[in-house]
Protein backbone atom coordinates (compact mmCIF):
# COMPACT_ATOMS: atom_id res chain seq x y z
CA UNK A 1 0.00 0.00 0.00
CA UNK A 2 1.38 3.38 -0.96
CA UNK A 3 1.78 6.53 1.07
CA UNK A 4 -1.51 7.92 -0.27
CA UNK A 5 -3.44 4.81 0.78
CA UNK A 6 -2.09 4.99 4.32
CA UNK A 7 -3.06 8.66 4.55
CA UNK A 8 -6.61 7.91 3.45
CA UNK A 9 -6.92 5.12 6.01
CA UNK A 10 -5.51 7.36 8.77
CA UNK A 11 -7.94 10.15 7.87
CA UNK A 12 -10.90 7.76 7.76
CA UNK A 13 -9.93 6.25 11.11
CA UNK A 14 -9.57 9.69 12.72
CA UNK A 15 -12.91 10.92 11.40
CA UNK A 16 -14.65 7.72 12.50
CA UNK A 17 -13.18 8.07 15.98
CA UNK A 18 -14.29 11.70 16.28
CA UNK A 19 -17.80 10.84 15.11
CA UNK A 20 -18.15 7.94 17.53
CA UNK A 21 -16.81 9.95 20.46
CA UNK A 22 -19.16 12.88 19.80
CA UNK A 23 -22.33 10.85 19.28
CA UNK A 24 -22.85 9.67 22.90
CA UNK A 25 -22.60 13.22 24.25
CA UNK A 26 -25.15 14.48 21.74
CA UNK A 27 -27.56 11.61 22.36
CA UNK A 28 -27.26 12.01 26.13
CA UNK A 29 -28.68 15.55 26.07
CA UNK A 30 -32.33 15.22 27.22
CA UNK A 31 -33.36 18.47 25.52
CA UNK A 32 -32.09 17.30 22.14
CA UNK A 33 -33.66 13.89 22.68
CA UNK A 34 -37.02 15.59 23.39
CA UNK A 35 -36.71 17.75 20.26
CA UNK A 36 -35.83 14.75 18.12
CA UNK A 37 -38.92 12.87 19.24
CA UNK A 38 -41.41 15.74 19.06
CA UNK A 39 -43.35 16.57 15.89
CA UNK A 40 -43.32 20.14 14.64
CA UNK A 41 -46.24 21.91 16.26
CA UNK A 42 -47.04 25.59 16.64
CA UNK A 43 -43.40 26.69 16.82
CA UNK A 44 -40.90 25.14 14.43
CA UNK A 45 -37.41 24.89 15.90
CA UNK A 46 -35.78 24.76 12.44
CA UNK A 47 -36.80 25.65 8.92
CA UNK A 48 -37.58 21.95 8.43
CA UNK A 49 -39.98 21.84 11.37
CA UNK A 50 -38.03 19.60 13.74
CA UNK A 51 -34.50 18.21 13.96
CA UNK A 52 -35.35 15.44 11.49
CA UNK A 53 -36.69 17.97 8.92
CA UNK A 54 -40.08 16.31 8.55
CA UNK A 55 -41.67 19.60 7.42
CA UNK A 56 -44.95 18.42 8.86
CA UNK A 57 -47.19 20.52 11.07
CA UNK A 58 -49.75 19.09 13.46
CA UNK A 59 -51.85 22.25 13.09
CA UNK A 60 -55.25 21.79 11.44
CA UNK A 61 -55.88 25.38 10.23
CA UNK A 62 -54.80 24.65 6.64
CA UNK A 63 -56.23 21.56 4.99
CA UNK A 64 -57.06 20.19 1.54
CA UNK A 65 -60.27 22.25 1.46
CA UNK A 66 -58.69 25.69 1.91
CA UNK A 67 -55.10 25.34 0.69
CA UNK A 68 -56.04 26.91 -2.69
CA UNK A 69 -56.86 30.17 -0.88
CA UNK A 70 -53.30 30.66 0.38
CA UNK A 71 -51.26 33.57 -0.98
CA UNK A 72 -48.00 35.29 -0.17
CA UNK A 73 -48.06 37.64 2.82
CA UNK A 74 -44.58 39.18 2.43
CA UNK A 75 -41.28 38.86 0.61
CA UNK A 76 -37.77 40.21 0.97
CA UNK A 77 -34.64 40.40 -1.12
CA UNK A 78 -31.55 38.76 0.31
CA UNK A 79 -28.29 40.53 -0.53
CA UNK A 80 -25.93 38.30 -2.44
CA UNK A 81 -28.52 35.62 -3.14
CA UNK A 82 -29.19 36.61 -6.73
CA UNK A 83 -32.91 36.83 -6.03
């Protein structure tokens, strides 16, 4: 095995170790565990709804019968976005 192959293996091993060492600390946090298990409700904690990005709301205000009536309420231009 050449020098390049050994470097790749060393890098992979290091990254695997760091991932495995960080995972237990993250999973042990009860607040994060609660957020992971909870569906997105009234207040979304991320733009995807919850930490698993389900993009699903438990609210019943908008349904198949009134979704056609939705329209934009506001917009903004983001500098540097090209939009």
